[in-house]
């Protein structure tokens, strides 16, 4: 869709025009009435704005990036650009958005499940590599909070794409019982410069100088207060957050639980002889829960048949390597963010092969 445009002037783009008064209030109401907004005001996707977005990719406007379920909507470069404009993105964000869509539509990510479940989950975008600094992704203090255009608008553009192309409309297709704020925007960079650990994309097979996007089906964040000096004390607090037996991770026995440490945590762990892998193994072992703690009644959908078991213990995921450890935020080792997982999804990482616009 384009705003107040004569299609005879739109040489290379194919979206349908929408006509309305140009006042901010009229634009907002038209978007709400059409079901195209996330409930917040949007930037009108005029032809010129969309064209600049498309040009930043070096790709044809009709280039197919993927089909977004549940509707199987066609995500072309043009359609991604339209929603990017609406979200308030800059053209140089387009490589991240296109790569994120490529990751989201991979079968193992199960976007159909995330879009239609009653669970309050959404794609968490983790940006790695040089593009973070090129486009201003916040990886430090407040990396999951407000105040940073790239994080907020890239995350929001993904939500608009899931709504407008994927068709996940609240009350009709998106059946989340409560929803969560991450359904508006859920995007962060990893704080590679201040971390003692290899960044996520390197762990997943990419080179340090390569930019990449990882998507994870996350349920939101739970804060762990870690005012301790010993690594085991800190990990005990994190494991406590992870051992919530009502979490989808236990009931579905899949997916990738996410733990976000501060750079200060990685230094403390390194000084005390803990590697990234040994932290994963410690958390995995200490987040196994005795089967007897679960209700004796079988749940309505019989999730229990899929438990990941170690003897009489129920595991939060299939193996320690499935736990994703990220480094972000400010330097103090005071807080850890834990993100439970949808459970029926796998994280996907894709390299950003489109250079950012200058």
Protein backbone atom coordinates (compact mmCIF):
# COMPACT_ATOMS: atom_id res chain seq x y z
CA UNK A 1 0.00 0.00 0.00
CA UNK A 2 1.09 3.56 -0.71
CA UNK A 3 -0.16 6.76 0.78
CA UNK A 4 -1.94 9.28 -1.49
CA UNK A 5 0.00 8.29 -4.62
CA UNK A 6 -0.84 8.29 -8.30
CA UNK A 7 0.25 4.81 -9.37
CA UNK A 8 1.05 6.13 -12.84
CA UNK A 9 3.99 7.84 -11.17
CA UNK A 10 5.08 4.71 -9.27
CA UNK A 11 7.35 3.22 -11.90
CA UNK A 12 8.66 0.07 -10.25
CA UNK A 13 6.39 -0.55 -7.29
CA UNK A 14 3.18 -2.53 -7.24
CA UNK A 15 1.41 -1.96 -3.93
CA UNK A 16 -2.13 -0.58 -3.93
CA UNK A 17 -2.76 3.10 -3.05
CA UNK A 18 -4.57 4.30 0.05
CA UNK A 19 -6.06 7.78 0.12
CA UNK A 20 -6.69 9.85 3.22
CA UNK A 21 -6.35 13.30 4.67
CA UNK A 22 -2.67 13.94 5.49
CA UNK A 23 -3.19 15.00 9.10
CA UNK A 24 -1.46 12.73 11.63
CA UNK A 25 -4.79 11.95 13.24
CA UNK A 26 -6.38 10.92 9.92
CA UNK A 27 -3.40 8.78 8.96
CA UNK A 28 -3.47 7.04 12.34
CA UNK A 29 -7.22 6.38 12.17
CA UNK A 30 -7.05 5.08 8.60
CA UNK A 31 -4.31 2.63 9.58
CA UNK A 32 -6.28 1.47 12.61
CA UNK A 33 -9.46 1.07 10.56
CA UNK A 34 -7.60 -0.95 7.94
CA UNK A 35 -6.00 -3.23 10.54
CA UNK A 36 -2.50 -2.24 9.41
CA UNK A 37 -1.21 -0.71 12.65
CA UNK A 38 0.09 -2.32 15.83
CA UNK A 39 -1.99 0.19 17.76
CA UNK A 40 0.62 2.95 17.58
CA UNK A 41 0.91 5.79 15.05
CA UNK A 42 2.84 5.02 11.87
CA UNK A 43 4.75 6.93 9.21
CA UNK A 44 2.71 7.06 5.95
CA UNK A 45 4.40 4.78 3.38
CA UNK A 46 4.57 7.26 0.52
CA UNK A 47 6.04 6.19 -2.80
CA UNK A 48 9.23 8.21 -2.31
CA UNK A 49 9.84 6.79 1.17
CA UNK A 50 9.30 3.21 0.05
CA UNK A 51 11.46 3.70 -3.03
CA UNK A 52 14.37 4.90 -0.87
CA UNK A 53 14.04 1.79 1.26
CA UNK A 54 14.08 -0.51 -1.77
CA UNK A 55 17.03 1.31 -3.35
CA UNK A 56 19.06 0.80 -0.17
CA UNK A 57 18.97 -2.97 -0.73
CA UNK A 58 20.21 -3.05 -4.32
CA UNK A 59 17.50 -5.65 -4.97
CA UNK A 60 14.44 -5.54 -7.20
CA UNK A 61 11.26 -4.44 -5.46
CA UNK A 62 9.64 -7.73 -6.50
CA UNK A 63 12.47 -9.89 -5.12
CA UNK A 64 10.89 -12.60 -2.96
CA UNK A 65 12.38 -12.90 0.53
CA UNK A 66 9.93 -15.48 1.87
CA UNK A 67 6.39 -16.44 2.79
CA UNK A 68 5.26 -15.51 6.29
CA UNK A 69 2.76 -17.82 7.97
CA UNK A 70 0.04 -18.37 8.99
CA UNK A 71 -1.31 -16.63 5.90
CA UNK A 72 1.69 -17.50 3.76
CA UNK A 73 1.88 -13.83 2.86
CA UNK A 74 4.39 -12.84 0.20
CA UNK A 75 7.26 -10.88 1.74
CA UNK A 76 8.91 -9.11 -1.18
CA UNK A 77 11.51 -6.39 -0.76
CA UNK A 78 8.77 -3.85 -1.51
CA UNK A 79 6.40 -5.20 1.15
CA UNK A 80 9.20 -5.24 3.71
CA UNK A 81 10.05 -1.67 2.74
CA UNK A 82 6.44 -0.52 3.20
CA UNK A 83 6.31 -1.87 6.74
CA UNK A 84 9.79 -0.53 7.48
CA UNK A 85 8.63 2.97 6.58
CA UNK A 86 5.54 2.58 8.74
CA UNK A 87 7.69 1.51 11.70
CA UNK A 88 10.01 4.51 11.38
CA UNK A 89 13.07 2.69 10.04
CA UNK A 90 15.90 4.29 8.10
CA UNK A 91 16.88 2.82 4.69
CA UNK A 92 20.15 1.48 6.11
CA UNK A 93 18.17 -0.86 8.36
CA UNK A 94 16.84 -2.82 5.39
CA UNK A 95 19.67 -5.43 5.28
CA UNK A 96 18.85 -6.41 8.88
CA UNK A 97 15.12 -6.62 8.16
CA UNK A 98 15.54 -8.73 5.04
CA UNK A 99 17.91 -11.10 6.84
CA UNK A 100 15.54 -11.33 9.81
CA UNK A 101 12.68 -12.32 7.50
CA UNK A 102 14.92 -14.94 5.85
CA UNK A 103 15.55 -16.42 9.31
CA UNK A 104 11.95 -16.23 10.49
CA UNK A 105 10.58 -18.17 7.52
CA UNK A 106 12.95 -21.12 7.98
CA UNK A 107 10.84 -24.22 8.84
CA UNK A 108 12.70 -24.97 12.08
CA UNK A 109 11.79 -21.56 13.47
CA UNK A 110 8.09 -22.47 13.21
CA UNK A 111 6.72 -18.97 12.72
CA UNK A 112 3.27 -20.50 12.18
CA UNK A 113 3.33 -21.80 15.75
CA UNK A 114 4.61 -18.55 17.21
CA UNK A 115 1.98 -16.55 15.34
CA UNK A 116 -1.02 -18.61 16.39
CA UNK A 117 -0.20 -19.92 19.87
CA UNK A 118 -1.90 -18.90 23.09
CA UNK A 119 1.63 -18.48 24.54
CA UNK A 120 2.95 -14.90 24.96
CA UNK A 121 5.98 -15.26 22.69
CA UNK A 122 7.58 -13.31 19.87
CA UNK A 123 10.74 -13.37 17.76
CA UNK A 124 13.68 -11.93 19.68
CA UNK A 125 16.17 -10.44 17.21
CA UNK A 126 19.85 -10.55 18.17
CA UNK A 127 22.16 -8.52 15.92
CA UNK A 128 25.86 -9.37 15.73
CA UNK A 129 28.86 -8.07 13.85
CA UNK A 130 29.98 -4.72 12.44
CA UNK A 131 26.51 -3.66 11.25
CA UNK A 132 25.54 -3.00 14.88
CA UNK A 133 27.79 0.04 14.96
CA UNK A 134 27.14 1.03 11.36
CA UNK A 135 23.41 1.54 11.93
CA UNK A 136 23.41 2.37 15.65
CA UNK A 137 22.04 -0.79 17.26
CA UNK A 138 22.23 -0.47 21.04
CA UNK A 139 24.11 -3.38 22.60
CA UNK A 140 24.91 -1.72 25.91
CA UNK A 141 22.92 -0.28 28.77
CA UNK A 142 19.20 -0.46 28.07
CA UNK A 143 19.65 -2.71 25.02
CA UNK A 144 16.12 -4.08 25.41
CA UNK A 145 14.62 -0.77 26.48
CA UNK A 146 13.38 2.42 24.86
CA UNK A 147 15.32 5.32 23.40
CA UNK A 148 17.20 3.78 20.48
CA UNK A 149 15.74 4.16 17.02
CA UNK A 150 17.38 1.18 15.35
CA UNK A 151 16.40 -1.31 18.06
CA UNK A 152 12.87 0.03 18.41
CA UNK A 153 11.97 0.46 14.75
CA UNK A 154 13.60 -2.73 13.46
CA UNK A 155 11.80 -4.69 16.15
CA UNK A 156 8.55 -2.89 15.36
CA UNK A 157 8.93 -3.43 11.62
CA UNK A 158 9.14 -7.18 12.21
CA UNK A 159 5.91 -7.03 14.20
CA UNK A 160 4.17 -5.07 11.43
CA UNK A 161 5.37 -7.65 8.91
CA UNK A 162 3.99 -10.46 11.06
CA UNK A 163 0.68 -8.58 11.26
CA UNK A 164 0.32 -7.28 7.73
CA UNK A 165 1.97 -10.04 5.70
CA UNK A 166 1.79 -13.00 8.07
CA UNK A 167 -1.80 -12.22 9.03
CA UNK A 168 -1.41 -12.66 12.79
CA UNK A 169 -4.27 -10.40 13.86
CA UNK A 170 -5.15 -10.30 17.57
CA UNK A 171 -8.36 -12.14 18.48
CA UNK A 172 -8.59 -13.89 15.11
CA UNK A 173 -5.23 -15.52 14.37
CA UNK A 174 -2.89 -14.35 17.12
CA UNK A 175 -4.47 -16.21 20.03
CA UNK A 176 -2.05 -15.17 22.81
CA UNK A 177 -4.01 -15.15 26.06
CA UNK A 178 -2.26 -12.07 27.45
CA UNK A 179 0.38 -11.11 24.90
CA UNK A 180 3.49 -9.26 26.04
CA UNK A 181 5.37 -6.00 25.34
CA UNK A 182 7.92 -7.88 23.20
CA UNK A 183 5.18 -8.20 20.59
CA UNK A 184 5.69 -4.51 19.84
CA UNK A 185 9.49 -4.63 19.52
CA UNK A 186 12.07 -7.21 20.65
CA UNK A 187 15.50 -6.40 19.22
CA UNK A 188 18.98 -6.04 20.69
CA UNK A 189 22.60 -6.11 19.70
CA UNK A 190 25.16 -8.27 21.48
CA UNK A 191 27.80 -6.32 23.39
CA UNK A 192 30.76 -7.98 21.68
CA UNK A 193 33.32 -5.28 22.46
CA UNK A 194 33.02 -5.60 26.26
CA UNK A 195 32.48 -9.36 26.47
CA UNK A 196 35.06 -11.99 27.39
CA UNK A 197 33.11 -14.57 25.36
CA UNK A 198 32.86 -15.29 21.67
CA UNK A 199 29.69 -13.66 20.32
CA UNK A 200 26.65 -15.67 19.37
CA UNK A 201 27.18 -15.60 15.61
CA UNK A 202 30.77 -16.85 15.97
CA UNK A 203 29.56 -19.66 18.22
CA UNK A 204 27.08 -20.53 15.46
CA UNK A 205 29.71 -20.75 12.74
CA UNK A 206 30.21 -17.24 11.37
CA UNK A 207 33.38 -15.15 11.35
CA UNK A 208 33.79 -12.24 13.80
CA UNK A 209 33.79 -9.67 10.98
CA UNK A 210 30.55 -11.03 9.50
CA UNK A 211 27.26 -9.37 10.43
CA UNK A 212 24.37 -11.68 11.31
CA UNK A 213 20.84 -11.84 12.69
CA UNK A 214 19.59 -14.55 15.03
CA UNK A 215 15.88 -15.03 15.72
CA UNK A 216 14.71 -16.81 18.87
CA UNK A 217 11.11 -17.58 19.85
CA UNK A 218 11.16 -15.96 23.29
CA UNK A 219 8.48 -15.49 25.95
CA UNK A 220 9.75 -12.26 27.47
CA UNK A 221 12.24 -11.40 30.20
CA UNK A 222 12.56 -12.36 33.86
CA UNK A 223 15.05 -10.42 35.93
CA UNK A 224 17.54 -12.22 38.17
CA UNK A 225 19.14 -10.06 40.87
CA UNK A 226 22.76 -11.25 41.12
CA UNK A 227 24.43 -9.21 43.88
CA UNK A 228 27.13 -11.82 44.44
CA UNK A 229 30.84 -12.24 43.83
CA UNK A 230 31.05 -15.99 43.34
CA UNK A 231 30.19 -17.44 39.93
CA UNK A 232 28.25 -20.34 41.44
CA UNK A 233 26.10 -17.96 43.49
CA UNK A 234 25.19 -16.00 40.37
CA UNK A 235 24.45 -19.15 38.41
CA UNK A 236 22.29 -20.45 41.26
CA UNK A 237 20.07 -17.37 40.92
CA UNK A 238 19.81 -17.82 37.15
CA UNK A 239 19.01 -21.50 37.46
CA UNK A 240 16.25 -20.56 39.90
CA UNK A 241 14.60 -18.45 37.21
CA UNK A 242 15.04 -21.20 34.66
CA UNK A 243 13.43 -23.89 36.82
CA UNK A 244 9.87 -22.66 36.39
CA UNK A 245 8.07 -25.90 35.61
CA UNK A 246 5.16 -24.03 34.02
CA UNK A 247 7.50 -22.76 31.32
CA UNK A 248 6.99 -24.01 27.78
CA UNK A 249 10.61 -25.18 27.76
CA UNK A 250 9.77 -28.01 30.13
CA UNK A 251 6.39 -28.91 28.71
CA UNK A 252 7.52 -28.98 25.07
CA UNK A 253 11.13 -30.03 25.74
CA UNK A 254 12.54 -28.03 22.85
CA UNK A 255 13.71 -24.62 21.82
CA UNK A 256 16.46 -22.40 23.12
CA UNK A 257 16.22 -20.82 26.57
CA UNK A 258 18.04 -17.47 26.51
CA UNK A 259 20.17 -15.99 29.29
CA UNK A 260 21.47 -12.43 28.89
CA UNK A 261 24.49 -11.66 31.06
CA UNK A 262 26.23 -8.32 31.43
CA UNK A 263 29.86 -7.87 30.32
CA UNK A 264 30.78 -7.81 34.00
CA UNK A 265 29.47 -11.33 34.42
CA UNK A 266 31.71 -12.66 31.65
CA UNK A 267 34.79 -11.13 33.26
CA UNK A 268 33.85 -12.59 36.63
CA UNK A 269 33.24 -16.03 35.12
CA UNK A 270 36.53 -15.94 33.22
CA UNK A 271 38.48 -14.94 36.32
CA UNK A 272 36.96 -17.89 38.20
CA UNK A 273 37.67 -20.43 35.46
CA UNK A 274 34.24 -20.68 33.83
CA UNK A 275 33.97 -20.74 30.04
CA UNK A 276 30.83 -20.05 28.05
CA UNK A 277 30.34 -23.78 27.53
CA UNK A 278 30.87 -24.64 31.19
CA UNK A 279 28.27 -22.03 32.17
CA UNK A 280 25.81 -23.68 29.80
CA UNK A 281 26.56 -27.09 31.27
CA UNK A 282 26.20 -25.82 34.85
CA UNK A 283 22.83 -24.21 34.10
CA UNK A 284 21.59 -27.27 32.24
CA UNK A 285 22.48 -29.61 35.09
CA UNK A 286 21.02 -27.34 37.76
CA UNK A 287 17.76 -26.62 35.93
CA UNK A 288 16.67 -30.25 35.79
CA UNK A 289 13.54 -30.74 37.87
CA UNK A 290 12.33 -33.96 39.57
CA UNK A 291 9.36 -35.41 37.74
CA UNK A 292 7.50 -35.63 41.05
CA UNK A 293 7.26 -31.83 41.17
CA UNK A 294 4.90 -31.82 38.20
CA UNK A 295 1.14 -32.32 38.67
CA UNK A 296 0.07 -35.93 38.57
CA UNK A 297 -2.79 -34.97 36.27
CA UNK A 298 -1.97 -35.14 32.57
CA UNK A 299 -2.38 -31.73 30.94
CA UNK A 300 -5.15 -31.17 28.41
CA UNK A 301 -2.83 -31.38 25.40
CA UNK A 302 -0.63 -34.15 26.91
CA UNK A 303 2.59 -32.16 26.68
CA UNK A 304 4.16 -34.52 29.19
CA UNK A 305 4.67 -37.18 26.53
CA UNK A 306 7.39 -35.00 25.05
CA UNK A 307 9.38 -34.30 28.21
CA UNK A 308 13.16 -34.32 27.83
CA UNK A 309 14.17 -36.70 30.59
CA UNK A 310 17.40 -37.55 32.41
CA UNK A 311 16.36 -40.47 34.56
CA UNK A 312 13.66 -39.08 36.85
CA UNK A 313 14.60 -35.48 36.07
CA UNK A 314 12.87 -33.24 33.51
CA UNK A 315 15.20 -31.04 31.44
CA UNK A 316 14.38 -27.55 30.13
CA UNK A 317 15.75 -28.39 26.68
CA UNK A 318 17.34 -31.32 24.92
CA UNK A 319 20.98 -30.51 25.72
CA UNK A 320 23.21 -27.88 27.29
CA UNK A 321 24.22 -26.54 23.87
CA UNK A 322 20.61 -25.51 23.23
CA UNK A 323 20.86 -22.80 25.90
CA UNK A 324 21.71 -19.46 24.27
CA UNK A 325 24.00 -17.19 26.32
CA UNK A 326 24.10 -13.55 25.24
CA UNK A 327 26.09 -10.61 26.52
CA UNK A 328 24.37 -7.24 26.56
CA UNK A 329 23.57 -4.22 28.65
CA UNK A 330 25.65 -2.17 31.05
CA UNK A 331 28.87 -3.40 32.63
CA UNK A 332 27.70 -4.11 36.19
CA UNK A 333 27.15 -7.79 37.09
CA UNK A 334 24.01 -6.92 39.04
CA UNK A 335 21.22 -8.26 36.84
CA UNK A 336 20.68 -11.16 34.45
CA UNK A 337 17.73 -11.36 32.05
CA UNK A 338 16.22 -14.78 31.43
CA UNK A 339 13.96 -15.38 28.44
CA UNK A 340 11.93 -18.55 28.43
CA UNK A 341 11.20 -20.08 25.05
CA UNK A 342 8.13 -21.09 23.06
CA UNK A 343 9.52 -24.60 23.17
CA UNK A 344 8.38 -25.72 19.72
CA UNK A 345 10.93 -23.63 17.82
CA UNK A 346 14.64 -23.51 17.05
CA UNK A 347 16.80 -20.39 16.87
CA UNK A 348 17.98 -19.52 13.38
CA UNK A 349 21.03 -17.43 12.46
CA UNK A 350 21.53 -15.86 9.04
CA UNK A 351 24.43 -13.83 7.65
CA UNK A 352 23.64 -10.31 6.46
CA UNK A 353 24.83 -10.41 2.86
CA UNK A 354 23.36 -7.06 1.79
CA UNK A 355 25.75 -4.20 2.61
CA UNK A 356 24.30 -1.39 4.67
CA UNK A 357 23.60 1.80 2.72
CA UNK A 358 25.97 4.69 3.24
